[in-house]
Amino acid sequence: MKELFDLTGKVALVTGATHGLGMAMAKALGKSGATLIVNGHTPAKMESAIKAYKEDGIEAHGYLFDVTDEAAVDKNISEMEAKFGTIDILVNNAGMIQRTPAMEMEVADFAKVVNMDLVSPFLMAKRVSKGMKEKGGGKIINICSMMSELGRNTVSAYAAAKGGLKMLTRNLATEWAKYNIQVNGIGPGYFATEQTAPIRVDGHPFNDFIVNRTPAGRWGDPEDLQGTTIFLASKASDFVNGQIVYVDGGILATIGKPYGEE
């Protein structure tokens, strides 16, 4: 059974993997045997990330480039392929969110979010799919969101992009299944990261809302994403295609019964 989840000999690329959830998922792939390539856009963060991977016993290879720039995507992936071989696993994790009421949001800002959260996964997937097709298969994992299913105040661009990413995932799965390429998604819930630290304190309204409205009664730990990532990246998911796995502690499964309520 272990062979189903073993990634030895595979080459994995994770975008936006210098911190947070991207790093947690990348570590899972590295510890499962994959040759790990991580993308970022800030030199200082990349240097710190590579050090963190090394301290965890993982050799990570860092590449700095803009995932929304088609020429940069092509150039860097060509370099990766020349050095490491075909990309077997792609995790489209890089993303952004801008919280602005829809009536006040500039069209340019809306487009910027959509370009990062929807167009860049398309660019990355399109580029790596060529090698996957030639090799006879591959795994693409798009990081969606609960906003792929739900709306929320001030995140119209993000929700539009993540909803589109869900459907892009399903369409690419449909088109590329004949090449033995599985395209699936992960939809994280609310997770304990550096970004959420300021609001993850007892008494903070949003912290209390998340804890009370999540059936599991807690924020997610980044490591909670690792098992799903390995599953969707491995042979174990060879007949799973076009699916979004929501790792959210059950929040999407309920209309919001408070935690502990009988």
C-alpha atoms as a PDB file:
ATOM      1  CA  MET A   1       0.000   0.000   0.000  1.00  0.00           C
ATOM      2  CA  LYS A   2       2.884   2.390   0.678  1.00  0.00           C
ATOM      3  CA  GLU A   3       3.781   2.282  -3.012  1.00  0.00           C
ATOM      4  CA  LEU A   4       0.483   3.980  -3.824  1.00  0.00           C
ATOM      5  CA  PHE A   5       1.636   7.139  -2.050  1.00  0.00           C
ATOM      6  CA  ASP A   6       5.368   6.981  -2.792  1.00  0.00           C
ATOM      7  CA  LEU A   7       6.565   9.899  -4.934  1.00  0.00           C
ATOM      8  CA  THR A   8      10.165   8.764  -5.329  1.00  0.00           C
ATOM      9  CA  GLY A   9      11.426   9.640  -8.799  1.00  0.00           C
ATOM     10  CA  LYS A  10       8.735  12.266  -9.371  1.00  0.00           C
ATOM     11  CA  VAL A  11       9.438  15.950  -9.957  1.00  0.00           C
ATOM     12  CA  ALA A  12       7.065  18.306  -8.132  1.00  0.00           C
ATOM     13  CA  LEU A  13       6.654  22.056  -8.637  1.00  0.00           C
ATOM     14  CA  VAL A  14       4.726  24.145  -6.100  1.00  0.00           C
ATOM     15  CA  THR A  15       4.042  27.822  -6.775  1.00  0.00           C
ATOM     16  CA  GLY A  16       3.925  30.320  -3.937  1.00  0.00           C
ATOM     17  CA  ALA A  17       5.778  27.880  -1.685  1.00  0.00           C
ATOM     18  CA  THR A  18       8.027  30.203   0.301  1.00  0.00           C
ATOM     19  CA  HIS A  19       5.650  30.285   3.277  1.00  0.00           C
ATOM     20  CA  GLY A  20       2.277  29.274   4.671  1.00  0.00           C
ATOM     21  CA  LEU A  21       0.081  26.624   3.112  1.00  0.00           C
ATOM     22  CA  GLY A  22       2.233  26.373   0.005  1.00  0.00           C
ATOM     23  CA  MET A  23       5.249  25.450   2.094  1.00  0.00           C
ATOM     24  CA  ALA A  24       3.261  22.883   4.084  1.00  0.00           C
ATOM     25  CA  MET A  25       2.104  21.151   0.915  1.00  0.00           C
ATOM     26  CA  ALA A  26       5.563  21.329  -0.642  1.00  0.00           C
ATOM     27  CA  LYS A  27       7.107  19.728   2.441  1.00  0.00           C
ATOM     28  CA  ALA A  28       4.652  16.858   2.163  1.00  0.00           C
ATOM     29  CA  LEU A  29       5.719  16.203  -1.416  1.00  0.00           C
ATOM     30  CA  GLY A  30       9.408  16.417  -0.539  1.00  0.00           C
ATOM     31  CA  LYS A  31       9.071  14.056   2.406  1.00  0.00           C
ATOM     32  CA  SER A  32       7.210  11.604   0.174  1.00  0.00           C
ATOM     33  CA  GLY A  33      10.236  11.319  -2.088  1.00  0.00           C
ATOM     34  CA  ALA A  34       9.627  13.869  -4.837  1.00  0.00           C
ATOM     35  CA  THR A  35      12.332  16.126  -6.202  1.00  0.00           C
ATOM     36  CA  LEU A  36      10.979  19.448  -4.968  1.00  0.00           C
ATOM     37  CA  ILE A  37      10.960  22.725  -6.896  1.00  0.00           C
ATOM     38  CA  VAL A  38       9.444  25.785  -5.249  1.00  0.00           C
ATOM     39  CA  ASN A  39       8.425  29.058  -6.852  1.00  0.00           C
ATOM     40  CA  GLY A  40       8.370  32.473  -5.251  1.00  0.00           C
ATOM     41  CA  HIS A  41       8.848  36.115  -6.205  1.00  0.00           C
ATOM     42  CA  THR A  42      10.844  37.637  -3.332  1.00  0.00           C
ATOM     43  CA  PRO A  43      14.566  36.812  -2.963  1.00  0.00           C
ATOM     44  CA  ALA A  44      14.612  37.248   0.818  1.00  0.00           C
ATOM     45  CA  LYS A  45      11.608  34.973   1.303  1.00  0.00           C
ATOM     46  CA  MET A  46      13.078  32.374  -1.011  1.00  0.00           C
ATOM     47  CA  GLU A  47      16.373  32.354   0.863  1.00  0.00           C
ATOM     48  CA  SER A  48      14.545  31.905   4.157  1.00  0.00           C
ATOM     49  CA  ALA A  49      12.310  29.195   2.681  1.00  0.00           C
ATOM     50  CA  ILE A  50      15.157  27.130   1.265  1.00  0.00           C
ATOM     51  CA  LYS A  51      16.782  27.248   4.693  1.00  0.00           C
ATOM     52  CA  ALA A  52      13.544  26.108   6.350  1.00  0.00           C
ATOM     53  CA  TYR A  53      13.197  23.189   3.932  1.00  0.00           C
ATOM     54  CA  LYS A  54      16.796  22.165   4.585  1.00  0.00           C
ATOM     55  CA  GLU A  55      16.254  22.252   8.344  1.00  0.00           C
ATOM     56  CA  ASP A  56      13.349  19.865   7.777  1.00  0.00           C
ATOM     57  CA  GLY A  57      15.558  17.481   5.835  1.00  0.00           C
ATOM     58  CA  ILE A  58      14.288  18.483   2.394  1.00  0.00           C
ATOM     59  CA  GLU A  59      16.380  19.651  -0.529  1.00  0.00           C
ATOM     60  CA  ALA A  60      14.293  22.292  -2.296  1.00  0.00           C
ATOM     61  CA  HIS A  61      15.239  24.030  -5.520  1.00  0.00           C
ATOM     62  CA  GLY A  62      14.019  27.625  -5.691  1.00  0.00           C
ATOM     63  CA  TYR A  63      12.987  29.568  -8.789  1.00  0.00           C
ATOM     64  CA  LEU A  64      11.968  33.226  -8.694  1.00  0.00           C
ATOM     65  CA  PHE A  65       9.514  34.235 -11.414  1.00  0.00           C
ATOM     66  CA  ASP A  66       6.116  35.843 -11.964  1.00  0.00           C
ATOM     67  CA  VAL A  67       3.528  33.133 -12.579  1.00  0.00           C
ATOM     68  CA  THR A  68       1.314  35.625 -14.439  1.00  0.00           C
ATOM     69  CA  ASP A  69       4.040  36.287 -17.030  1.00  0.00           C
ATOM     70  CA  GLU A  70       3.752  33.714 -19.817  1.00  0.00           C
ATOM     71  CA  ALA A  71       7.294  34.296 -21.099  1.00  0.00           C
ATOM     72  CA  ALA A  72       8.749  33.921 -17.598  1.00  0.00           C
ATOM     73  CA  VAL A  73       6.703  30.764 -17.004  1.00  0.00           C
ATOM     74  CA  ASP A  74       7.953  29.207 -20.237  1.00  0.00           C
ATOM     75  CA  LYS A  75      11.576  30.203 -19.610  1.00  0.00           C
ATOM     76  CA  ASN A  76      11.734  28.907 -16.060  1.00  0.00           C
ATOM     77  CA  ILE A  77       9.891  25.652 -16.683  1.00  0.00           C
ATOM     78  CA  SER A  78      12.159  25.002 -19.677  1.00  0.00           C
ATOM     79  CA  GLU A  79      15.138  25.409 -17.328  1.00  0.00           C
ATOM     80  CA  MET A  80      13.556  23.074 -14.781  1.00  0.00           C
ATOM     81  CA  GLU A  81      12.873  20.432 -17.413  1.00  0.00           C
ATOM     82  CA  ALA A  82      16.425  20.644 -18.704  1.00  0.00           C
ATOM     83  CA  LYS A  83      17.818  20.133 -15.199  1.00  0.00           C
ATOM     84  CA  PHE A  84      15.326  17.801 -13.518  1.00  0.00           C
ATOM     85  CA  GLY A  85      13.211  16.302 -16.291  1.00  0.00           C
ATOM     86  CA  THR A  86       9.468  16.477 -16.856  1.00  0.00           C
ATOM     87  CA  ILE A  87       7.353  18.092 -14.163  1.00  0.00           C
ATOM     88  CA  ASP A  88       5.237  15.189 -12.898  1.00  0.00           C
ATOM     89  CA  ILE A  89       3.306  17.139 -10.249  1.00  0.00           C
ATOM     90  CA  LEU A  90       2.192  20.766 -10.346  1.00  0.00           C
ATOM     91  CA  VAL A  91       0.549  22.492  -7.384  1.00  0.00           C
ATOM     92  CA  ASN A  92      -0.916  25.843  -8.409  1.00  0.00           C
ATOM     93  CA  ASN A  93      -0.856  27.511  -5.005  1.00  0.00           C
ATOM     94  CA  ALA A  94       0.284  31.090  -5.708  1.00  0.00           C
ATOM     95  CA  GLY A  95      -2.555  33.544  -5.219  1.00  0.00           C
ATOM     96  CA  MET A  96      -3.721  36.816  -3.793  1.00  0.00           C
ATOM     97  CA  ILE A  97      -6.790  38.420  -2.247  1.00  0.00           C
ATOM     98  CA  GLN A  98      -7.885  42.030  -2.129  1.00  0.00           C
ATOM     99  CA  ARG A  99     -10.680  42.978   0.241  1.00  0.00           C
ATOM    100  CA  THR A 100     -12.588  45.860  -1.315  1.00  0.00           C
ATOM    101  CA  PRO A 101     -16.360  46.384  -1.586  1.00  0.00           C
ATOM    102  CA  ALA A 102     -17.442  45.655  -5.157  1.00  0.00           C
ATOM    103  CA  MET A 103     -18.882  49.142  -5.692  1.00  0.00           C
ATOM    104  CA  GLU A 104     -15.539  50.667  -4.764  1.00  0.00           C
ATOM    105  CA  MET A 105     -13.173  48.247  -6.511  1.00  0.00           C
ATOM    106  CA  GLU A 106     -11.219  49.498  -9.510  1.00  0.00           C
ATOM    107  CA  VAL A 107     -11.496  47.340 -12.616  1.00  0.00           C
ATOM    108  CA  ALA A 108      -7.696  47.152 -12.802  1.00  0.00           C
ATOM    109  CA  ASP A 109      -7.557  45.733  -9.264  1.00  0.00           C
ATOM    110  CA  PHE A 110     -10.297  43.211 -10.064  1.00  0.00           C
ATOM    111  CA  ALA A 111      -8.370  42.100 -13.142  1.00  0.00           C
ATOM    112  CA  LYS A 112      -5.118  41.817 -11.157  1.00  0.00           C
ATOM    113  CA  VAL A 113      -6.687  39.380  -8.705  1.00  0.00           C
ATOM    114  CA  VAL A 114      -8.277  37.308 -11.473  1.00  0.00           C
ATOM    115  CA  ASN A 115      -4.996  37.275 -13.394  1.00  0.00           C
ATOM    116  CA  MET A 116      -3.136  35.873 -10.402  1.00  0.00           C
ATOM    117  CA  ASP A 117      -5.771  33.479  -9.075  1.00  0.00           C
ATOM    118  CA  LEU A 118      -7.235  32.156 -12.334  1.00  0.00           C
ATOM    119  CA  VAL A 119      -5.098  33.027 -15.345  1.00  0.00           C
ATOM    120  CA  SER A 120      -1.767  32.023 -13.790  1.00  0.00           C
ATOM    121  CA  PRO A 121      -2.939  28.472 -12.939  1.00  0.00           C
ATOM    122  CA  PHE A 122      -4.012  28.154 -16.584  1.00  0.00           C
ATOM    123  CA  LEU A 123      -0.609  29.355 -17.809  1.00  0.00           C
ATOM    124  CA  MET A 124       1.245  26.967 -15.508  1.00  0.00           C
ATOM    125  CA  ALA A 125      -0.987  23.989 -16.262  1.00  0.00           C
ATOM    126  CA  LYS A 126      -0.854  24.575 -20.008  1.00  0.00           C
ATOM    127  CA  ARG A 127       2.940  24.720 -19.959  1.00  0.00           C
ATOM    128  CA  VAL A 128       3.587  21.610 -17.857  1.00  0.00           C
ATOM    129  CA  SER A 129       0.877  19.579 -19.605  1.00  0.00           C
ATOM    130  CA  LYS A 130       3.016  19.321 -22.735  1.00  0.00           C
ATOM    131  CA  GLY A 131       5.717  17.386 -20.919  1.00  0.00           C
ATOM    132  CA  MET A 132       3.146  15.331 -19.029  1.00  0.00           C
ATOM    133  CA  LYS A 133       1.480  14.331 -22.301  1.00  0.00           C
ATOM    134  CA  GLU A 134       4.782  13.232 -23.805  1.00  0.00           C
ATOM    135  CA  LYS A 135       5.712  11.276 -20.683  1.00  0.00           C
ATOM    136  CA  GLY A 136       2.338   9.575 -20.436  1.00  0.00           C
ATOM    137  CA  GLY A 137       0.743  11.224 -17.416  1.00  0.00           C
ATOM    138  CA  GLY A 138       0.907  13.717 -14.597  1.00  0.00           C
ATOM    139  CA  LYS A 139      -0.864  15.358 -11.691  1.00  0.00           C
ATOM    140  CA  ILE A 140      -2.090  18.955 -11.479  1.00  0.00           C
ATOM    141  CA  ILE A 141      -3.517  20.269  -8.217  1.00  0.00           C
ATOM    142  CA  ASN A 142      -5.211  23.663  -8.231  1.00  0.00           C
ATOM    143  CA  ILE A 143      -5.635  25.369  -4.875  1.00  0.00           C
ATOM    144  CA  CYS A 144      -9.196  26.562  -4.829  1.00  0.00           C
ATOM    145  CA  SER A 145     -11.073  27.974  -1.829  1.00  0.00           C
ATOM    146  CA  MET A 146     -14.329  27.832   0.045  1.00  0.00           C
ATOM    147  CA  MET A 147     -14.997  30.934  -2.058  1.00  0.00           C
ATOM    148  CA  SER A 148     -15.163  28.546  -5.003  1.00  0.00           C
ATOM    149  CA  GLU A 149     -18.589  27.707  -3.539  1.00  0.00           C
ATOM    150  CA  LEU A 150     -19.612  30.664  -1.377  1.00  0.00           C
ATOM    151  CA  GLY A 151     -19.697  34.422  -1.567  1.00  0.00           C
ATOM    152  CA  ARG A 152     -18.412  36.771   1.124  1.00  0.00           C
ATOM    153  CA  ASN A 153     -18.379  40.533   1.573  1.00  0.00           C
ATOM    154  CA  THR A 154     -15.526  42.462  -0.077  1.00  0.00           C
ATOM    155  CA  VAL A 155     -13.944  39.543  -1.980  1.00  0.00           C
ATOM    156  CA  SER A 156     -15.814  39.629  -5.285  1.00  0.00           C
ATOM    157  CA  ALA A 157     -12.668  39.333  -7.424  1.00  0.00           C
ATOM    158  CA  TYR A 158     -11.214  36.520  -5.327  1.00  0.00           C
ATOM    159  CA  ALA A 159     -14.493  34.589  -5.284  1.00  0.00           C
ATOM    160  CA  ALA A 160     -14.963  35.060  -9.023  1.00  0.00           C
ATOM    161  CA  ALA A 161     -11.440  33.785  -9.671  1.00  0.00           C
ATOM    162  CA  LYS A 162     -11.674  30.828  -7.311  1.00  0.00           C
ATOM    163  CA  GLY A 163     -15.091  29.874  -8.684  1.00  0.00           C
ATOM    164  CA  GLY A 164     -13.572  30.011 -12.143  1.00  0.00           C
ATOM    165  CA  LEU A 165     -10.630  27.914 -10.976  1.00  0.00           C
ATOM    166  CA  LYS A 166     -13.015  25.192  -9.862  1.00  0.00           C
ATOM    167  CA  MET A 167     -14.512  25.047 -13.351  1.00  0.00           C
ATOM    168  CA  LEU A 168     -11.109  25.324 -15.038  1.00  0.00           C
ATOM    169  CA  THR A 169     -10.068  22.297 -12.983  1.00  0.00           C
ATOM    170  CA  ARG A 170     -13.043  20.315 -14.231  1.00  0.00           C
ATOM    171  CA  ASN A 171     -12.567  21.354 -17.841  1.00  0.00           C
ATOM    172  CA  LEU A 172      -8.862  20.560 -17.929  1.00  0.00           C
ATOM    173  CA  ALA A 173      -9.607  17.211 -16.307  1.00  0.00           C
ATOM    174  CA  THR A 174     -12.098  16.532 -19.089  1.00  0.00           C
ATOM    175  CA  GLU A 175      -9.708  17.506 -21.874  1.00  0.00           C
ATOM    176  CA  TRP A 176      -6.548  15.876 -20.551  1.00  0.00           C
ATOM    177  CA  ALA A 177      -7.814  12.619 -19.037  1.00  0.00           C
ATOM    178  CA  LYS A 178      -7.004  10.880 -22.329  1.00  0.00           C
ATOM    179  CA  TYR A 179      -3.348  11.732 -21.692  1.00  0.00           C
ATOM    180  CA  ASN A 180      -3.485  10.184 -18.196  1.00  0.00           C
ATOM    181  CA  ILE A 181      -3.273  13.639 -16.633  1.00  0.00           C
ATOM    182  CA  GLN A 182      -5.398  14.037 -13.508  1.00  0.00           C
ATOM    183  CA  VAL A 183      -6.443  17.596 -12.654  1.00  0.00           C
ATOM    184  CA  ASN A 184      -7.981  18.090  -9.226  1.00  0.00           C
ATOM    185  CA  GLY A 185      -8.292  20.821  -6.640  1.00  0.00           C
ATOM    186  CA  ILE A 186      -7.985  21.406  -2.924  1.00  0.00           C
ATOM    187  CA  GLY A 187     -10.230  23.930  -1.209  1.00  0.00           C
ATOM    188  CA  PRO A 188      -8.703  24.966   2.127  1.00  0.00           C
ATOM    189  CA  GLY A 189     -10.916  26.297   4.877  1.00  0.00           C
ATOM    190  CA  TYR A 190      -9.666  28.752   7.492  1.00  0.00           C
ATOM    191  CA  PHE A 191      -6.117  27.934   8.521  1.00  0.00           C
ATOM    192  CA  ALA A 192      -3.723  28.982  11.249  1.00  0.00           C
ATOM    193  CA  THR A 193      -0.973  30.836   9.374  1.00  0.00           C
ATOM    194  CA  GLU A 194       1.166  33.892   9.986  1.00  0.00           C
ATOM    195  CA  GLN A 195      -1.398  35.964   8.095  1.00  0.00           C
ATOM    196  CA  THR A 196      -4.272  34.920  10.354  1.00  0.00           C
ATOM    197  CA  ALA A 197      -2.299  35.150  13.619  1.00  0.00           C
ATOM    198  CA  PRO A 198      -3.570  38.662  14.543  1.00  0.00           C
ATOM    199  CA  ILE A 199      -7.192  37.510  14.530  1.00  0.00           C
ATOM    200  CA  ARG A 200      -6.701  34.029  16.025  1.00  0.00           C
ATOM    201  CA  VAL A 201      -7.094  35.202  19.606  1.00  0.00           C
ATOM    202  CA  ASP A 202      -9.865  34.463  22.060  1.00  0.00           C
ATOM    203  CA  GLY A 203     -12.455  37.190  22.024  1.00  0.00           C
ATOM    204  CA  HIS A 204     -11.755  38.372  18.497  1.00  0.00           C
ATOM    205  CA  PRO A 205     -15.132  38.315  16.678  1.00  0.00           C
ATOM    206  CA  PHE A 206     -13.820  36.539  13.583  1.00  0.00           C
ATOM    207  CA  ASN A 207     -11.872  33.978  15.604  1.00  0.00           C
ATOM    208  CA  ASP A 208     -14.972  33.164  17.630  1.00  0.00           C
ATOM    209  CA  PHE A 209     -17.033  32.979  14.435  1.00  0.00           C
ATOM    210  CA  ILE A 210     -14.672  30.462  12.811  1.00  0.00           C
ATOM    211  CA  VAL A 211     -14.278  28.288  15.891  1.00  0.00           C
ATOM    212  CA  ASN A 212     -18.009  28.262  16.597  1.00  0.00           C
ATOM    213  CA  ARG A 213     -19.150  27.688  13.023  1.00  0.00           C
ATOM    214  CA  THR A 214     -16.639  24.997  12.054  1.00  0.00           C
ATOM    215  CA  PRO A 215     -17.878  21.531  13.055  1.00  0.00           C
ATOM    216  CA  ALA A 216     -14.326  20.528  13.977  1.00  0.00           C
ATOM    217  CA  GLY A 217     -14.287  23.454  16.412  1.00  0.00           C
ATOM    218  CA  ARG A 218     -10.886  24.822  15.406  1.00  0.00           C
ATOM    219  CA  TRP A 219      -8.784  26.498  12.747  1.00  0.00           C
ATOM    220  CA  GLY A 220      -6.986  24.184  10.356  1.00  0.00           C
ATOM    221  CA  ASP A 221      -3.321  23.415  10.863  1.00  0.00           C
ATOM    222  CA  PRO A 222      -1.241  23.701   7.649  1.00  0.00           C
ATOM    223  CA  GLU A 223      -0.247  20.069   8.128  1.00  0.00           C
ATOM    224  CA  ASP A 224      -3.917  19.152   7.703  1.00  0.00           C
ATOM    225  CA  LEU A 225      -3.419  19.745   3.970  1.00  0.00           C
ATOM    226  CA  GLN A 226      -0.524  17.346   3.603  1.00  0.00           C
ATOM    227  CA  GLY A 227      -2.421  14.069   3.349  1.00  0.00           C
ATOM    228  CA  THR A 228      -4.784  15.376   0.675  1.00  0.00           C
ATOM    229  CA  THR A 229      -1.846  16.788  -1.277  1.00  0.00           C
ATOM    230  CA  ILE A 230       0.027  13.485  -1.246  1.00  0.00           C
ATOM    231  CA  PHE A 231      -3.129  11.601  -2.231  1.00  0.00           C
ATOM    232  CA  LEU A 232      -3.860  13.817  -5.236  1.00  0.00           C
ATOM    233  CA  ALA A 233      -0.186  13.803  -6.287  1.00  0.00           C
ATOM    234  CA  SER A 234       0.244  10.037  -6.090  1.00  0.00           C
ATOM    235  CA  LYS A 235      -0.795   6.865  -7.861  1.00  0.00           C
ATOM    236  CA  ALA A 236      -3.508   6.465  -5.232  1.00  0.00           C
ATOM    237  CA  SER A 237      -5.638   9.050  -7.093  1.00  0.00           C
ATOM    238  CA  ASP A 238      -5.162   7.759 -10.648  1.00  0.00           C
ATOM    239  CA  PHE A 239      -8.941   7.425 -11.176  1.00  0.00           C
ATOM    240  CA  VAL A 240      -9.814  10.681  -9.394  1.00  0.00           C
ATOM    241  CA  ASN A 241     -10.247  13.518 -11.859  1.00  0.00           C
ATOM    242  CA  GLY A 242     -11.971  16.899 -11.876  1.00  0.00           C
ATOM    243  CA  GLN A 243     -12.723  16.857  -8.148  1.00  0.00           C
ATOM    244  CA  ILE A 244     -12.328  19.569  -5.524  1.00  0.00           C
ATOM    245  CA  VAL A 245     -11.516  18.238  -2.051  1.00  0.00           C
ATOM    246  CA  TYR A 246     -12.500  20.751   0.614  1.00  0.00           C
ATOM    247  CA  VAL A 247     -10.242  20.556   3.650  1.00  0.00           C
ATOM    248  CA  ASP A 248     -12.279  22.813   5.891  1.00  0.00           C
ATOM    249  CA  GLY A 249     -13.172  20.998   9.095  1.00  0.00           C
ATOM    250  CA  GLY A 250     -16.700  20.503   7.758  1.00  0.00           C
ATOM    251  CA  ILE A 251     -17.722  24.146   7.490  1.00  0.00           C
ATOM    252  CA  LEU A 252     -19.152  23.790   3.969  1.00  0.00           C
ATOM    253  CA  ALA A 253     -21.197  20.789   5.048  1.00  0.00           C
ATOM    254  CA  THR A 254     -23.369  22.799   7.451  1.00  0.00           C
ATOM    255  CA  ILE A 255     -25.505  25.905   7.434  1.00  0.00           C
ATOM    256  CA  GLY A 256     -23.660  26.945  10.561  1.00  0.00           C
ATOM    257  CA  LYS A 257     -24.618  25.109  13.750  1.00  0.00           C
ATOM    258  CA  PRO A 258     -22.323  26.426  16.480  1.00  0.00           C
ATOM    259  CA  TYR A 259     -19.619  24.047  17.660  1.00  0.00           C
ATOM    260  CA  GLY A 260     -20.794  21.980  20.616  1.00  0.00           C
ATOM    261  CA  GLU A 261     -24.485  22.740  20.098  1.00  0.00           C
ATOM    262  CA  GLU A 262     -26.638  19.645  20.618  1.00  0.00           C
END
